[in-house]
Protein backbone atom coordinates (compact mmCIF):
# COMPACT_ATOMS: atom_id res chain seq x y z
CA UNK A 1 -41.64 167.30 314.80
CA UNK A 2 -38.17 168.16 313.80
CA UNK A 3 -37.27 171.18 312.00
CA UNK A 4 -35.52 169.24 308.77
CA UNK A 5 -37.99 166.44 309.13
CA UNK A 6 -40.72 168.92 307.64
CA UNK A 7 -39.23 169.74 304.45
CA UNK A 8 -38.69 165.60 303.58
CA UNK A 9 -42.35 165.13 304.64
CA UNK A 10 -42.99 167.71 301.63
CA UNK A 11 -40.70 166.07 299.50
CA UNK A 12 -41.98 162.56 300.55
CA UNK A 13 -45.30 163.32 300.14
CA UNK A 14 -44.08 164.12 296.38
CA UNK A 15 -41.53 161.74 295.62
CA UNK A 16 -42.67 158.85 297.78
CA UNK A 17 -40.22 156.92 296.01
CA UNK A 18 -36.75 157.20 293.71
CA UNK A 19 -36.47 155.79 290.68
CA UNK A 20 -34.45 152.79 292.33
CA UNK A 21 -37.36 151.53 294.25
CA UNK A 22 -37.83 148.58 291.44
CA UNK A 23 -34.33 147.62 291.74
CA UNK A 24 -34.16 147.88 295.76
CA UNK A 25 -37.83 145.84 295.83
CA UNK A 26 -38.01 142.12 296.99
CA UNK A 27 -39.33 140.34 294.03
CA UNK A 28 -42.87 139.98 295.03
CA UNK A 29 -42.79 143.84 295.64
CA UNK A 30 -40.85 144.48 292.17
CA UNK A 31 -43.64 142.78 290.40
CA UNK A 32 -46.29 144.77 292.23
CA UNK A 33 -44.62 147.82 290.63
CA UNK A 34 -45.37 146.58 287.76
CA UNK A 35 -48.96 146.58 287.80
CA UNK A 36 -50.71 149.40 286.26
CA UNK A 37 -52.36 151.27 289.09
CA UNK A 38 -51.13 150.17 291.97
CA UNK A 39 -49.78 152.50 294.64
CA UNK A 40 -46.14 151.49 294.02
CA UNK A 41 -46.22 152.04 290.25
CA UNK A 42 -47.95 155.37 290.90
CA UNK A 43 -45.15 156.66 293.14
CA UNK A 44 -42.74 155.24 290.99
CA UNK A 45 -44.17 157.45 288.27
CA UNK A 46 -44.31 160.10 289.80
CA UNK A 47 -40.83 160.29 291.26
CA UNK A 48 -39.13 159.58 288.66
CA UNK A 49 -41.00 162.66 287.13
CA UNK A 50 -40.14 164.67 289.97
CA UNK A 51 -36.59 163.90 290.15
CA UNK A 52 -35.69 164.57 286.96
CA UNK A 53 -37.39 167.92 286.87
CA UNK A 54 -35.57 168.79 289.99
CA UNK A 55 -32.42 167.96 288.93
CA UNK A 56 -32.44 169.66 285.18
CA UNK A 57 -34.28 172.78 286.66
CA UNK A 58 -32.11 173.30 289.87
CA UNK A 59 -30.45 176.42 288.34
CA UNK A 60 -34.07 177.67 286.82
CA UNK A 61 -35.52 176.97 289.79
CA UNK A 62 -33.22 178.74 292.43
CA UNK A 63 -33.40 181.51 290.34
CA UNK A 64 -36.61 181.88 289.89
CA UNK A 65 -38.85 181.07 293.43
CA UNK A 66 -42.09 181.73 292.28
CA UNK A 67 -41.73 178.81 289.10
CA UNK A 68 -40.35 176.11 292.13
CA UNK A 69 -43.93 177.16 294.19
CA UNK A 70 -45.80 176.60 291.20
CA UNK A 71 -43.80 173.17 290.46
CA UNK A 72 -43.98 172.01 293.76
CA UNK A 73 -47.67 173.26 294.19
CA UNK A 74 -48.79 171.40 291.52
CA UNK A 75 -46.71 167.85 292.14
CA UNK A 76 -48.16 168.31 295.49
CA UNK A 77 -51.65 168.21 294.75
CA UNK A 78 -51.88 165.86 292.57
CA UNK A 79 -49.98 163.35 294.76
CA UNK A 80 -51.53 164.46 298.41
CA UNK A 81 -54.94 164.02 299.10
CA UNK A 82 -54.71 167.64 301.15
CA UNK A 83 -58.98 167.58 302.06
CA UNK A 84 -58.90 164.09 304.11
CA UNK A 85 -55.97 165.57 305.09
CA UNK A 86 -56.75 168.34 306.24
CA UNK A 87 -59.98 166.78 307.54
CA UNK A 88 -58.01 164.45 310.07
CA UNK A 89 -55.99 167.29 310.83
CA UNK A 90 -59.15 168.95 312.36
CA UNK A 91 -59.89 165.75 314.30
CA UNK A 92 -63.20 166.71 316.47
CA UNK A 93 -63.16 170.02 315.32
CA UNK A 94 -63.69 169.06 312.19
CA UNK A 95 -67.24 166.81 312.80
CA UNK A 96 -69.85 168.25 311.19
CA UNK A 97 -67.61 170.93 309.43
CA UNK A 98 -69.02 171.62 305.94
CA UNK A 99 -66.65 170.35 302.78
CA UNK A 100 -65.86 174.16 301.96
CA UNK A 101 -64.27 174.56 305.73
CA UNK A 102 -62.42 172.01 305.42
CA UNK A 103 -61.12 173.03 301.84
CA UNK A 104 -60.52 176.27 303.43
CA UNK A 105 -58.64 174.83 305.93
CA UNK A 106 -56.36 172.26 304.16
CA UNK A 107 -55.68 174.25 301.45
CA UNK A 108 -54.17 176.78 303.81
CA UNK A 109 -52.60 174.61 305.63
CA UNK A 110 -50.82 173.22 302.85
CA UNK A 111 -50.01 176.74 301.07
CA UNK A 112 -48.63 177.71 304.54
CA UNK A 113 -46.10 174.38 304.30
CA UNK A 114 -44.90 175.14 300.68
CA UNK A 115 -44.02 179.12 301.24
CA UNK A 116 -42.16 178.40 304.32
CA UNK A 117 -40.44 175.01 303.64
CA UNK A 118 -40.77 174.81 299.61
CA UNK A 119 -37.53 176.19 298.71
CA UNK A 120 -35.62 173.10 300.88
CA UNK A 121 -36.60 171.17 297.92
CA UNK A 122 -33.89 172.71 296.48
CA UNK A 123 -31.33 171.35 298.89
CA UNK A 124 -32.96 167.45 298.13
CA UNK A 125 -30.83 165.12 297.50
CA UNK A 126 -31.79 163.54 294.05
CA UNK A 127 -29.86 161.03 293.66
CA UNK A 128 -31.52 159.76 296.96
CA UNK A 129 -32.28 155.81 297.46
CA UNK A 130 -35.36 154.22 298.73
CA UNK A 131 -35.69 150.63 299.90
CA UNK A 132 -39.52 149.18 300.58
CA UNK A 133 -39.76 147.21 303.17
CA UNK A 134 -43.07 146.20 302.90
CA UNK A 135 -47.04 147.56 300.99
CA UNK A 136 -49.64 146.36 303.60
CA UNK A 137 -53.26 146.75 302.85
CA UNK A 138 -55.29 148.02 305.12
CA UNK A 139 -58.74 148.48 305.95
CA UNK A 140 -59.85 145.70 303.82
CA UNK A 141 -57.45 147.14 300.84
CA UNK A 142 -59.15 150.56 300.92
CA UNK A 143 -55.99 152.18 302.65
CA UNK A 144 -52.24 151.09 301.35
CA UNK A 145 -49.18 151.47 303.83
CA UNK A 146 -46.00 151.60 302.05
CA UNK A 147 -42.89 151.14 304.43
CA UNK A 148 -39.97 152.38 303.17
CA UNK A 149 -36.23 153.71 304.06
CA UNK A 150 -34.41 156.72 302.39
CA UNK A 151 -31.14 155.13 301.99
CA UNK A 152 -28.11 158.49 302.08
CA UNK A 153 -24.04 158.24 301.97
CA UNK A 154 -22.79 158.75 304.79
CA UNK A 155 -26.14 158.82 307.08
CA UNK A 156 -28.59 156.60 308.87
CA UNK A 157 -31.27 155.49 306.95
CA UNK A 158 -34.19 156.93 307.38
CA UNK A 159 -37.84 155.46 307.73
CA UNK A 160 -40.32 156.56 305.97
CA UNK A 161 -43.92 155.46 305.70
CA UNK A 162 -46.92 156.56 303.32
CA UNK A 163 -50.52 156.23 304.20
CA UNK A 164 -52.40 156.05 300.91
CA UNK A 165 -55.96 155.76 300.06
CA UNK A 166 -57.97 155.42 296.61
CA UNK A 167 -59.82 158.45 295.35
CA UNK A 168 -61.19 157.81 292.28
CA UNK A 169 -59.47 155.61 290.06
CA UNK A 170 -56.10 157.12 291.96
CA UNK A 171 -54.30 156.30 294.84
CA UNK A 172 -52.66 159.40 296.79
CA UNK A 173 -51.21 160.19 300.01
CA UNK A 174 -52.81 161.25 302.96
CA UNK A 175 -50.43 160.95 305.56
CA UNK A 176 -46.35 160.65 305.64
CA UNK A 177 -44.63 159.72 309.03
CA UNK A 178 -40.84 159.99 309.22
CA UNK A 179 -38.88 158.39 312.12
CA UNK A 180 -42.28 157.34 313.61
CA UNK A 181 -43.94 160.81 313.42
CA UNK A 182 -47.15 161.29 311.77
CA UNK A 183 -47.56 164.63 309.44
CA UNK A 184 -51.37 164.32 310.67
CA UNK A 185 -50.96 164.22 314.17
CA UNK A 186 -48.06 166.40 314.81
CA UNK A 187 -50.40 169.27 313.31
CA UNK A 188 -53.31 167.73 314.81
CA UNK A 189 -51.91 168.27 318.09
CA UNK A 190 -50.34 171.99 316.90
CA UNK A 191 -54.25 173.63 315.90
CA UNK A 192 -56.29 171.84 318.86
CA UNK A 193 -55.54 174.83 320.41
CA UNK A 194 -56.69 177.29 318.35
CA UNK A 195 -59.32 175.75 317.04
CA UNK A 196 -60.70 175.44 320.64
CA UNK A 197 -60.54 179.32 320.71
CA UNK A 198 -61.29 180.38 316.63
CA UNK A 199 -63.85 178.66 313.89
CA UNK A 200 -62.33 176.97 311.23
CA UNK A 201 -62.78 179.79 309.02
CA UNK A 202 -60.92 182.10 311.20
CA UNK A 203 -58.02 179.96 312.09
CA UNK A 204 -57.87 179.46 308.17
CA UNK A 205 -57.59 182.97 307.52
CA UNK A 206 -55.09 183.63 309.70
CA UNK A 207 -52.71 180.81 308.42
CA UNK A 208 -53.07 182.43 304.94
CA UNK A 209 -51.82 185.69 306.48
CA UNK A 210 -49.05 183.91 308.06
CA UNK A 211 -50.58 185.11 311.51
CA UNK A 212 -50.30 181.44 312.31
CA UNK A 213 -47.86 178.73 311.37
CA UNK A 214 -47.89 175.58 310.68
CA UNK A 215 -44.60 174.39 313.31
CA UNK A 216 -41.92 171.63 312.25
CA UNK A 217 -41.21 171.72 316.17
């Protein structure tokens, strides 16, 4: 995954769409955004709040990186299903693993990414527009794939797809694909070798200590 793409993954997991979604979507998709509890409605509400906060608190976040980190972590936890994503990243190494070990790894991975790339959100264009291409139910509606394009001034559109699943009464993102490259698959490949040599808690401890870093390359 490209170095610049990982910050986009984090931003995408937080934002999922911009306030322009309702205007950019096709009529039937726009109707879906108005349905209470729908994935589109959820990401639309989240994006409106997050974008306005990033813009209004940009000066504060630039001065106080701890405040930015707290904001990013809070929003990431609300929108991203980190435990489920963590189990998917573990892949075969997660088979039979306890929920506690999976959570340990998922938290260490997410925190490592936030520390390394969270500050890049200060450079994120809060006036970016997003066009919804499609919203496709998978596995009988248990999973929703929302395909979008991020529209940049003077640049090519960036295709971003979101895989979401319902946890309780909420829809949460568990994978983001930027230009066809999956967040889950990228890190599953990266951590396959360490997990063949060490236990899940050992790899999680190295991630937390910064001895092992999630790579965007």
